[in-house]
Amino acid sequence: MIVKLVCNYCKTTFYKSRKTKYCSRQCLYNSMKTSIFVNCLNCQKEFSVHPHRFKLKRGRYCSRECYLKSRTDSRVKRVCKNCNQNFFIYPLSKIGKGKYCSQKCAVEAKIDKLDKTCLQCGEAFKIHSYKEKYGFGKFCSIGCFSIHRKDRVEKTCKNCGKSFEDHKNGVKKYCSKECFWDYHSGENHHCWIDGNYVRNYPREFNIKFKHKVRKRDEYKCKICGKRKAYDVHHIDYNKQNTTPENCITLCKSCHAKTNNNREYWSSFCQELLLY
């Protein structure tokens, strides 16, 4: 459907099947070149701006310096509700609604705080409730913590009887590591059983021997053929019989299978070594 229209630039009438503002592309380009003169809101200097920019509420200032100067002059002084520090905010700013100086203060104000007393100086301070679970809230600052750590007390070693220094709240009972291991050897050791020590494997079954068996079997499980197998299994289930002819390389899953029906697996693994 053809409609009668009027060009916004040359004001001539024209006919088009769809609504357009200009009769030709030349009128469109000419309209974009035209500009209007307005006064700067800051320095009152006259400058040119395109009409469509002025409709979008742009082109109010002649330069960026004037824009920034007008913004700084219009700032309002406020006091943060969390840290009580002074800060400036623009009247139209919606961030925090002018209550807090930063996002950090806004988050901290919403979190519940607990009243605590410093163990060193005795001053009252506040701490977040979640920090109390991790052992915080004993000192008001790092300075008080370091002073408290310097306070040392004389203690007596549990093994040799020598005196040594430790922190006031320290848990040390021995003057050195040597005294600790010396005290916890023999009857004081937690694995002590009437002076008897049972060794499940002989000394020959060491890392060097295991590496020799794995290298012979090319680090493959002899049952399923899986690579990167590191378990060394005794074929006759006699741990004292540690010889290359009695050991075979298995993976963890196959090694767990051999714990049941031992007679079958003993003969089966023996046959695997022959091939």
C-alpha atoms as a PDB file:
ATOM      1  CA  MET A   1       0.000   0.000   0.000  1.00  0.00           C
ATOM      2  CA  ILE A   2       1.440   3.349  -1.093  1.00  0.00           C
ATOM      3  CA  VAL A   3       1.331   6.191   1.459  1.00  0.00           C
ATOM      4  CA  LYS A   4       1.824   9.930   1.013  1.00  0.00           C
ATOM      5  CA  LEU A   5       4.659  11.272   3.212  1.00  0.00           C
ATOM      6  CA  VAL A   6       6.545  14.538   3.862  1.00  0.00           C
ATOM      7  CA  CYS A   7      10.355  14.687   3.984  1.00  0.00           C
ATOM      8  CA  ASN A   8      11.746  15.927   7.321  1.00  0.00           C
ATOM      9  CA  TYR A   9      14.637  17.739   5.631  1.00  0.00           C
ATOM     10  CA  CYS A  10      13.427  19.297   2.346  1.00  0.00           C
ATOM     11  CA  LYS A  11       9.670  19.282   3.255  1.00  0.00           C
ATOM     12  CA  THR A  12       8.689  17.858  -0.130  1.00  0.00           C
ATOM     13  CA  THR A  13       5.887  15.330  -0.528  1.00  0.00           C
ATOM     14  CA  PHE A  14       6.686  11.825  -1.793  1.00  0.00           C
ATOM     15  CA  TYR A  15       5.022   8.416  -2.010  1.00  0.00           C
ATOM     16  CA  LYS A  16       6.377   5.223  -0.437  1.00  0.00           C
ATOM     17  CA  SER A  17       5.054   1.778   0.365  1.00  0.00           C
ATOM     18  CA  ARG A  18       6.536   1.994   3.904  1.00  0.00           C
ATOM     19  CA  LYS A  19       6.946   4.840   6.346  1.00  0.00           C
ATOM     20  CA  THR A  20      10.279   6.714   6.111  1.00  0.00           C
ATOM     21  CA  LYS A  21      11.434  10.126   7.341  1.00  0.00           C
ATOM     22  CA  TYR A  22      13.373  11.209   4.233  1.00  0.00           C
ATOM     23  CA  CYS A  23      12.552  11.183   0.554  1.00  0.00           C
ATOM     24  CA  SER A  24      16.074  10.162  -0.535  1.00  0.00           C
ATOM     25  CA  ARG A  25      19.430   9.044   0.765  1.00  0.00           C
ATOM     26  CA  GLN A  26      20.856  12.524   0.027  1.00  0.00           C
ATOM     27  CA  CYS A  27      18.335  14.140   2.407  1.00  0.00           C
ATOM     28  CA  LEU A  28      19.275  11.592   5.057  1.00  0.00           C
ATOM     29  CA  TYR A  29      22.987  12.496   4.800  1.00  0.00           C
ATOM     30  CA  ASN A  30      22.228  16.246   4.774  1.00  0.00           C
ATOM     31  CA  SER A  31      20.108  15.932   7.923  1.00  0.00           C
ATOM     32  CA  MET A  32      22.981  14.161   9.709  1.00  0.00           C
ATOM     33  CA  LYS A  33      25.353  16.996   8.833  1.00  0.00           C
ATOM     34  CA  THR A  34      23.140  19.677  10.341  1.00  0.00           C
ATOM     35  CA  SER A  35      23.705  20.676  13.986  1.00  0.00           C
ATOM     36  CA  ILE A  36      22.215  23.036  16.547  1.00  0.00           C
ATOM     37  CA  PHE A  37      23.938  25.476  18.903  1.00  0.00           C
ATOM     38  CA  VAL A  38      23.467  25.141  22.668  1.00  0.00           C
ATOM     39  CA  ASN A  39      25.120  26.631  25.772  1.00  0.00           C
ATOM     40  CA  CYS A  40      27.323  24.548  28.079  1.00  0.00           C
ATOM     41  CA  LEU A  41      25.708  23.982  31.489  1.00  0.00           C
ATOM     42  CA  ASN A  42      29.027  24.575  33.276  1.00  0.00           C
ATOM     43  CA  CYS A  43      30.877  27.412  31.510  1.00  0.00           C
ATOM     44  CA  GLN A  44      27.943  28.809  29.426  1.00  0.00           C
ATOM     45  CA  LYS A  45      30.067  28.569  26.280  1.00  0.00           C
ATOM     46  CA  GLU A  46      28.159  28.090  22.993  1.00  0.00           C
ATOM     47  CA  PHE A  47      28.949  24.919  21.010  1.00  0.00           C
ATOM     48  CA  SER A  48      27.346  22.812  18.256  1.00  0.00           C
ATOM     49  CA  VAL A  49      25.721  19.414  18.788  1.00  0.00           C
ATOM     50  CA  HIS A  50      23.700  17.041  16.624  1.00  0.00           C
ATOM     51  CA  PRO A  51      19.910  17.151  17.209  1.00  0.00           C
ATOM     52  CA  HIS A  52      19.559  13.407  17.861  1.00  0.00           C
ATOM     53  CA  ARG A  53      22.277  13.593  20.580  1.00  0.00           C
ATOM     54  CA  PHE A  54      20.439  16.477  22.218  1.00  0.00           C
ATOM     55  CA  LYS A  55      17.194  14.457  22.242  1.00  0.00           C
ATOM     56  CA  LEU A  56      18.999  11.627  24.078  1.00  0.00           C
ATOM     57  CA  LYS A  57      19.999  14.134  26.801  1.00  0.00           C
ATOM     58  CA  ARG A  58      23.590  14.244  25.576  1.00  0.00           C
ATOM     59  CA  GLY A  59      25.669  17.195  24.442  1.00  0.00           C
ATOM     60  CA  ARG A  60      24.990  19.233  27.578  1.00  0.00           C
ATOM     61  CA  TYR A  61      28.679  20.090  28.126  1.00  0.00           C
ATOM     62  CA  CYS A  62      31.242  21.483  25.662  1.00  0.00           C
ATOM     63  CA  SER A  63      34.081  19.228  26.904  1.00  0.00           C
ATOM     64  CA  ARG A  64      34.833  16.392  29.314  1.00  0.00           C
ATOM     65  CA  GLU A  65      36.595  18.803  31.689  1.00  0.00           C
ATOM     66  CA  CYS A  66      33.361  20.756  32.118  1.00  0.00           C
ATOM     67  CA  TYR A  67      31.408  17.543  32.669  1.00  0.00           C
ATOM     68  CA  LEU A  68      33.793  16.291  35.382  1.00  0.00           C
ATOM     69  CA  LYS A  69      33.908  19.691  37.071  1.00  0.00           C
ATOM     70  CA  SER A  70      30.127  19.853  37.273  1.00  0.00           C
ATOM     71  CA  ARG A  71      30.053  16.346  38.740  1.00  0.00           C
ATOM     72  CA  THR A  72      32.625  17.133  41.447  1.00  0.00           C
ATOM     73  CA  ASP A  73      30.893  20.377  42.449  1.00  0.00           C
ATOM     74  CA  SER A  74      27.557  18.612  42.911  1.00  0.00           C
ATOM     75  CA  ARG A  75      28.868  15.861  45.229  1.00  0.00           C
ATOM     76  CA  VAL A  76      27.381  15.571  48.711  1.00  0.00           C
ATOM     77  CA  LYS A  77      29.321  14.731  51.880  1.00  0.00           C
ATOM     78  CA  ARG A  78      28.088  11.671  53.829  1.00  0.00           C
ATOM     79  CA  VAL A  79      29.214   9.575  56.828  1.00  0.00           C
ATOM     80  CA  CYS A  80      29.552   5.787  56.463  1.00  0.00           C
ATOM     81  CA  LYS A  81      27.263   3.885  58.881  1.00  0.00           C
ATOM     82  CA  ASN A  82      29.774   1.046  59.229  1.00  0.00           C
ATOM     83  CA  CYS A  83      33.238   2.653  59.599  1.00  0.00           C
ATOM     84  CA  ASN A  84      32.105   6.259  60.401  1.00  0.00           C
ATOM     85  CA  GLN A  85      34.414   7.740  57.746  1.00  0.00           C
ATOM     86  CA  ASN A  86      33.495  10.721  55.546  1.00  0.00           C
ATOM     87  CA  PHE A  87      32.922  10.131  51.820  1.00  0.00           C
ATOM     88  CA  PHE A  88      31.400  11.993  48.859  1.00  0.00           C
ATOM     89  CA  ILE A  89      28.515  10.778  46.721  1.00  0.00           C
ATOM     90  CA  TYR A  90      26.624  12.130  43.721  1.00  0.00           C
ATOM     91  CA  PRO A  91      22.989  13.122  44.341  1.00  0.00           C
ATOM     92  CA  LEU A  92      21.660  10.808  41.602  1.00  0.00           C
ATOM     93  CA  SER A  93      23.816   7.828  42.617  1.00  0.00           C
ATOM     94  CA  LYS A  94      21.851   4.711  43.589  1.00  0.00           C
ATOM     95  CA  ILE A  95      24.802   2.536  44.715  1.00  0.00           C
ATOM     96  CA  GLY A  96      24.256   1.826  48.414  1.00  0.00           C
ATOM     97  CA  LYS A  97      21.856   4.817  48.543  1.00  0.00           C
ATOM     98  CA  GLY A  98      24.595   6.861  50.211  1.00  0.00           C
ATOM     99  CA  LYS A  99      24.745   4.823  53.435  1.00  0.00           C
ATOM    100  CA  TYR A 100      28.159   3.133  53.050  1.00  0.00           C
ATOM    101  CA  CYS A 101      31.483   4.311  51.623  1.00  0.00           C
ATOM    102  CA  SER A 102      32.193   1.037  49.776  1.00  0.00           C
ATOM    103  CA  GLN A 103      30.711  -2.346  48.934  1.00  0.00           C
ATOM    104  CA  LYS A 104      32.910  -3.942  51.607  1.00  0.00           C
ATOM    105  CA  CYS A 105      31.296  -1.808  54.326  1.00  0.00           C
ATOM    106  CA  ALA A 106      27.832  -2.620  52.959  1.00  0.00           C
ATOM    107  CA  VAL A 107      28.534  -6.368  53.230  1.00  0.00           C
ATOM    108  CA  GLU A 108      30.102  -6.082  56.690  1.00  0.00           C
ATOM    109  CA  ALA A 109      27.114  -4.147  58.032  1.00  0.00           C
ATOM    110  CA  LYS A 110      24.749  -7.004  57.106  1.00  0.00           C
ATOM    111  CA  ILE A 111      26.846  -9.724  58.803  1.00  0.00           C
ATOM    112  CA  ASP A 112      26.235 -10.442  62.490  1.00  0.00           C
ATOM    113  CA  LYS A 113      29.100  -9.431  64.780  1.00  0.00           C
ATOM    114  CA  LEU A 114      30.055 -10.643  68.248  1.00  0.00           C
ATOM    115  CA  ASP A 115      31.515  -8.583  71.103  1.00  0.00           C
ATOM    116  CA  LYS A 116      34.927  -9.887  72.236  1.00  0.00           C
ATOM    117  CA  THR A 117      37.641  -8.811  74.676  1.00  0.00           C
ATOM    118  CA  CYS A 118      41.337  -8.851  73.732  1.00  0.00           C
ATOM    119  CA  LEU A 119      43.414 -11.283  75.812  1.00  0.00           C
ATOM    120  CA  GLN A 120      46.424  -8.943  75.752  1.00  0.00           C
ATOM    121  CA  CYS A 121      45.203  -5.350  76.200  1.00  0.00           C
ATOM    122  CA  GLY A 122      41.663  -6.033  77.475  1.00  0.00           C
ATOM    123  CA  GLU A 123      39.971  -3.739  74.934  1.00  0.00           C
ATOM    124  CA  ALA A 124      36.567  -4.609  73.507  1.00  0.00           C
ATOM    125  CA  PHE A 125      36.260  -5.275  69.766  1.00  0.00           C
ATOM    126  CA  LYS A 126      33.840  -6.891  67.320  1.00  0.00           C
ATOM    127  CA  ILE A 127      34.284  -9.958  65.126  1.00  0.00           C
ATOM    128  CA  HIS A 128      32.148 -11.808  62.596  1.00  0.00           C
ATOM    129  CA  SER A 129      30.299 -14.813  63.989  1.00  0.00           C
ATOM    130  CA  TYR A 130      31.660 -17.198  61.318  1.00  0.00           C
ATOM    131  CA  LYS A 131      35.303 -16.365  62.220  1.00  0.00           C
ATOM    132  CA  GLU A 132      34.861 -17.682  65.754  1.00  0.00           C
ATOM    133  CA  LYS A 133      34.666 -21.260  64.376  1.00  0.00           C
ATOM    134  CA  TYR A 134      38.216 -20.996  63.005  1.00  0.00           C
ATOM    135  CA  GLY A 135      39.810 -19.815  66.276  1.00  0.00           C
ATOM    136  CA  PHE A 136      39.782 -16.060  65.581  1.00  0.00           C
ATOM    137  CA  GLY A 137      38.572 -13.383  67.966  1.00  0.00           C
ATOM    138  CA  LYS A 138      41.177 -13.684  70.712  1.00  0.00           C
ATOM    139  CA  PHE A 139      43.160 -10.523  69.919  1.00  0.00           C
ATOM    140  CA  CYS A 140      42.056  -7.120  68.648  1.00  0.00           C
ATOM    141  CA  SER A 141      45.073  -6.697  66.327  1.00  0.00           C
ATOM    142  CA  ILE A 142      48.233  -8.374  65.016  1.00  0.00           C
ATOM    143  CA  GLY A 143      50.305  -6.202  67.375  1.00  0.00           C
ATOM    144  CA  CYS A 144      48.560  -7.620  70.462  1.00  0.00           C
ATOM    145  CA  PHE A 145      48.948 -11.150  69.060  1.00  0.00           C
ATOM    146  CA  SER A 146      52.718 -10.733  68.547  1.00  0.00           C
ATOM    147  CA  ILE A 147      53.182  -9.284  72.058  1.00  0.00           C
ATOM    148  CA  HIS A 148      51.252 -12.197  73.535  1.00  0.00           C
ATOM    149  CA  ARG A 149      53.438 -14.663  71.624  1.00  0.00           C
ATOM    150  CA  LYS A 150      56.607 -13.115  73.088  1.00  0.00           C
ATOM    151  CA  ASP A 151      55.542 -13.972  76.646  1.00  0.00           C
ATOM    152  CA  ARG A 152      57.460 -17.196  77.410  1.00  0.00           C
ATOM    153  CA  VAL A 153      57.405 -19.616  80.357  1.00  0.00           C
ATOM    154  CA  GLU A 154      60.049 -22.084  81.582  1.00  0.00           C
ATOM    155  CA  LYS A 155      59.101 -25.768  81.304  1.00  0.00           C
ATOM    156  CA  THR A 156      60.812 -29.066  82.163  1.00  0.00           C
ATOM    157  CA  CYS A 157      61.511 -31.732  79.527  1.00  0.00           C
ATOM    158  CA  LYS A 158      59.599 -34.979  80.155  1.00  0.00           C
ATOM    159  CA  ASN A 159      62.547 -37.117  78.971  1.00  0.00           C
ATOM    160  CA  CYS A 160      65.847 -35.543  80.067  1.00  0.00           C
ATOM    161  CA  GLY A 161      64.585 -33.167  82.779  1.00  0.00           C
ATOM    162  CA  LYS A 162      66.249 -30.092  81.248  1.00  0.00           C
ATOM    163  CA  SER A 163      64.473 -26.714  81.431  1.00  0.00           C
ATOM    164  CA  PHE A 164      63.439 -24.970  78.188  1.00  0.00           C
ATOM    165  CA  GLU A 165      61.340 -21.956  77.171  1.00  0.00           C
ATOM    166  CA  ASP A 166      57.960 -22.134  75.473  1.00  0.00           C
ATOM    167  CA  HIS A 167      55.019 -19.843  74.779  1.00  0.00           C
ATOM    168  CA  LYS A 168      52.576 -19.178  77.581  1.00  0.00           C
ATOM    169  CA  ASN A 169      49.857 -21.255  75.882  1.00  0.00           C
ATOM    170  CA  GLY A 170      52.285 -23.693  74.208  1.00  0.00           C
ATOM    171  CA  VAL A 171      51.830 -27.493  74.358  1.00  0.00           C
ATOM    172  CA  LYS A 172      55.500 -28.545  74.175  1.00  0.00           C
ATOM    173  CA  LYS A 173      56.558 -31.317  76.588  1.00  0.00           C
ATOM    174  CA  TYR A 174      60.038 -32.089  75.213  1.00  0.00           C
ATOM    175  CA  CYS A 175      63.040 -29.859  74.623  1.00  0.00           C
ATOM    176  CA  SER A 176      63.877 -31.410  71.217  1.00  0.00           C
ATOM    177  CA  LYS A 177      62.800 -34.035  68.674  1.00  0.00           C
ATOM    178  CA  GLU A 178      65.531 -36.391  69.886  1.00  0.00           C
ATOM    179  CA  CYS A 179      64.010 -36.383  73.374  1.00  0.00           C
ATOM    180  CA  PHE A 180      60.534 -36.956  71.905  1.00  0.00           C
ATOM    181  CA  TRP A 181      61.618 -40.074  69.941  1.00  0.00           C
ATOM    182  CA  ASP A 182      63.784 -41.307  72.805  1.00  0.00           C
ATOM    183  CA  TYR A 183      60.838 -41.143  75.214  1.00  0.00           C
ATOM    184  CA  HIS A 184      58.410 -42.817  72.763  1.00  0.00           C
ATOM    185  CA  SER A 185      60.728 -45.762  71.998  1.00  0.00           C
ATOM    186  CA  GLY A 186      60.502 -49.123  73.750  1.00  0.00           C
ATOM    187  CA  GLU A 187      57.736 -49.636  76.283  1.00  0.00           C
ATOM    188  CA  ASN A 188      56.372 -46.096  75.838  1.00  0.00           C
ATOM    189  CA  HIS A 189      55.706 -46.698  72.132  1.00  0.00           C
ATOM    190  CA  HIS A 190      52.042 -47.168  71.212  1.00  0.00           C
ATOM    191  CA  CYS A 191      52.836 -50.346  69.176  1.00  0.00           C
ATOM    192  CA  TRP A 192      54.730 -52.088  72.007  1.00  0.00           C
ATOM    193  CA  ILE A 193      53.446 -55.675  72.629  1.00  0.00           C
ATOM    194  CA  ASP A 194      55.326 -57.410  75.485  1.00  0.00           C
ATOM    195  CA  GLY A 195      58.688 -56.797  73.834  1.00  0.00           C
ATOM    196  CA  ASN A 196      57.816 -58.933  70.785  1.00  0.00           C
ATOM    197  CA  TYR A 197      58.052 -57.566  67.257  1.00  0.00           C
ATOM    198  CA  VAL A 198      56.364 -59.561  64.514  1.00  0.00           C
ATOM    199  CA  ARG A 199      57.607 -58.925  60.956  1.00  0.00           C
ATOM    200  CA  ASN A 200      55.162 -60.121  58.309  1.00  0.00           C
ATOM    201  CA  TYR A 201      57.651 -60.001  55.433  1.00  0.00           C
ATOM    202  CA  PRO A 202      61.353 -60.925  55.473  1.00  0.00           C
ATOM    203  CA  ARG A 203      64.063 -58.340  54.817  1.00  0.00           C
ATOM    204  CA  GLU A 204      64.660 -59.804  51.343  1.00  0.00           C
ATOM    205  CA  PHE A 205      61.194 -58.574  50.277  1.00  0.00           C
ATOM    206  CA  ASN A 206      62.333 -54.984  49.770  1.00  0.00           C
ATOM    207  CA  ILE A 207      61.998 -52.275  47.110  1.00  0.00           C
ATOM    208  CA  LYS A 208      64.919 -53.586  45.067  1.00  0.00           C
ATOM    209  CA  PHE A 209      63.450 -57.092  44.916  1.00  0.00           C
ATOM    210  CA  LYS A 210      59.982 -55.798  43.939  1.00  0.00           C
ATOM    211  CA  HIS A 211      61.463 -53.653  41.198  1.00  0.00           C
ATOM    212  CA  LYS A 212      63.299 -56.701  39.834  1.00  0.00           C
ATOM    213  CA  VAL A 213      60.047 -58.750  39.643  1.00  0.00           C
ATOM    214  CA  ARG A 214      58.089 -55.884  38.042  1.00  0.00           C
ATOM    215  CA  LYS A 215      60.791 -55.311  35.445  1.00  0.00           C
ATOM    216  CA  ARG A 216      60.773 -59.019  34.577  1.00  0.00           C
ATOM    217  CA  ASP A 217      56.993 -58.911  34.000  1.00  0.00           C
ATOM    218  CA  GLU A 218      57.266 -55.569  32.104  1.00  0.00           C
ATOM    219  CA  TYR A 219      55.026 -53.832  34.681  1.00  0.00           C
ATOM    220  CA  LYS A 220      51.998 -55.773  33.391  1.00  0.00           C
ATOM    221  CA  CYS A 221      49.445 -57.789  35.320  1.00  0.00           C
ATOM    222  CA  LYS A 222      49.994 -61.447  34.472  1.00  0.00           C
ATOM    223  CA  ILE A 223      46.265 -62.266  34.807  1.00  0.00           C
ATOM    224  CA  CYS A 224      44.428 -59.453  32.974  1.00  0.00           C
ATOM    225  CA  GLY A 225      47.364 -57.820  31.118  1.00  0.00           C
ATOM    226  CA  LYS A 226      46.717 -54.381  32.588  1.00  0.00           C
ATOM    227  CA  ARG A 227      49.649 -51.943  32.381  1.00  0.00           C
ATOM    228  CA  LYS A 228      51.148 -50.056  35.345  1.00  0.00           C
ATOM    229  CA  ALA A 229      50.707 -52.989  37.747  1.00  0.00           C
ATOM    230  CA  TYR A 230      52.788 -52.637  40.915  1.00  0.00           C
ATOM    231  CA  ASP A 231      51.568 -55.357  43.342  1.00  0.00           C
ATOM    232  CA  VAL A 232      53.952 -58.298  43.878  1.00  0.00           C
ATOM    233  CA  HIS A 233      52.149 -61.504  44.896  1.00  0.00           C
ATOM    234  CA  HIS A 234      53.546 -64.670  46.538  1.00  0.00           C
ATOM    235  CA  ILE A 235      52.337 -67.651  44.527  1.00  0.00           C
ATOM    236  CA  ASP A 236      52.406 -70.236  47.358  1.00  0.00           C
ATOM    237  CA  TYR A 237      51.184 -67.603  49.908  1.00  0.00           C
ATOM    238  CA  ASN A 238      54.316 -68.185  52.002  1.00  0.00           C
ATOM    239  CA  LYS A 239      55.748 -64.755  52.751  1.00  0.00           C
ATOM    240  CA  GLN A 240      59.056 -66.205  53.927  1.00  0.00           C
ATOM    241  CA  ASN A 241      59.606 -67.841  50.523  1.00  0.00           C
ATOM    242  CA  THR A 242      60.730 -64.648  48.780  1.00  0.00           C
ATOM    243  CA  THR A 243      62.283 -65.747  45.481  1.00  0.00           C
ATOM    244  CA  PRO A 244      61.725 -64.509  41.915  1.00  0.00           C
ATOM    245  CA  GLU A 245      60.274 -67.932  40.985  1.00  0.00           C
ATOM    246  CA  ASN A 246      57.618 -67.611  43.722  1.00  0.00           C
ATOM    247  CA  CYS A 247      56.558 -63.987  43.006  1.00  0.00           C
ATOM    248  CA  ILE A 248      54.432 -62.521  40.224  1.00  0.00           C
ATOM    249  CA  THR A 249      53.237 -59.028  39.256  1.00  0.00           C
ATOM    250  CA  LEU A 250      49.494 -58.310  39.572  1.00  0.00           C
ATOM    251  CA  CYS A 251      47.187 -55.292  39.529  1.00  0.00           C
ATOM    252  CA  LYS A 252      45.219 -54.345  42.636  1.00  0.00           C
ATOM    253  CA  SER A 253      41.904 -55.856  41.488  1.00  0.00           C
ATOM    254  CA  CYS A 254      43.473 -59.189  40.483  1.00  0.00           C
ATOM    255  CA  HIS A 255      45.541 -59.264  43.676  1.00  0.00           C
ATOM    256  CA  ALA A 256      42.295 -58.971  45.693  1.00  0.00           C
ATOM    257  CA  LYS A 257      40.811 -61.943  43.779  1.00  0.00           C
ATOM    258  CA  THR A 258      43.677 -64.238  44.781  1.00  0.00           C
ATOM    259  CA  ASN A 259      42.699 -64.059  48.477  1.00  0.00           C
ATOM    260  CA  ASN A 260      39.863 -66.545  47.826  1.00  0.00           C
ATOM    261  CA  ASN A 261      40.244 -70.103  46.472  1.00  0.00           C
ATOM    262  CA  ARG A 262      43.992 -70.086  47.089  1.00  0.00           C
ATOM    263  CA  GLU A 263      44.696 -73.579  45.699  1.00  0.00           C
ATOM    264  CA  TYR A 264      43.268 -72.647  42.301  1.00  0.00           C
ATOM    265  CA  TRP A 265      45.110 -69.332  42.089  1.00  0.00           C
ATOM    266  CA  SER A 266      48.368 -70.894  43.261  1.00  0.00           C
ATOM    267  CA  SER A 267      48.375 -73.445  40.415  1.00  0.00           C
ATOM    268  CA  PHE A 268      47.076 -70.861  37.908  1.00  0.00           C
ATOM    269  CA  CYS A 269      49.838 -68.307  38.706  1.00  0.00           C
ATOM    270  CA  GLN A 270      52.453 -71.079  38.594  1.00  0.00           C
ATOM    271  CA  GLU A 271      51.373 -71.907  35.028  1.00  0.00           C
ATOM    272  CA  LEU A 272      51.529 -68.222  34.034  1.00  0.00           C
ATOM    273  CA  LEU A 273      55.227 -68.068  34.918  1.00  0.00           C
ATOM    274  CA  LEU A 274      56.006 -71.041  32.677  1.00  0.00           C
ATOM    275  CA  TYR A 275      54.672 -69.318  29.546  1.00  0.00           C
END
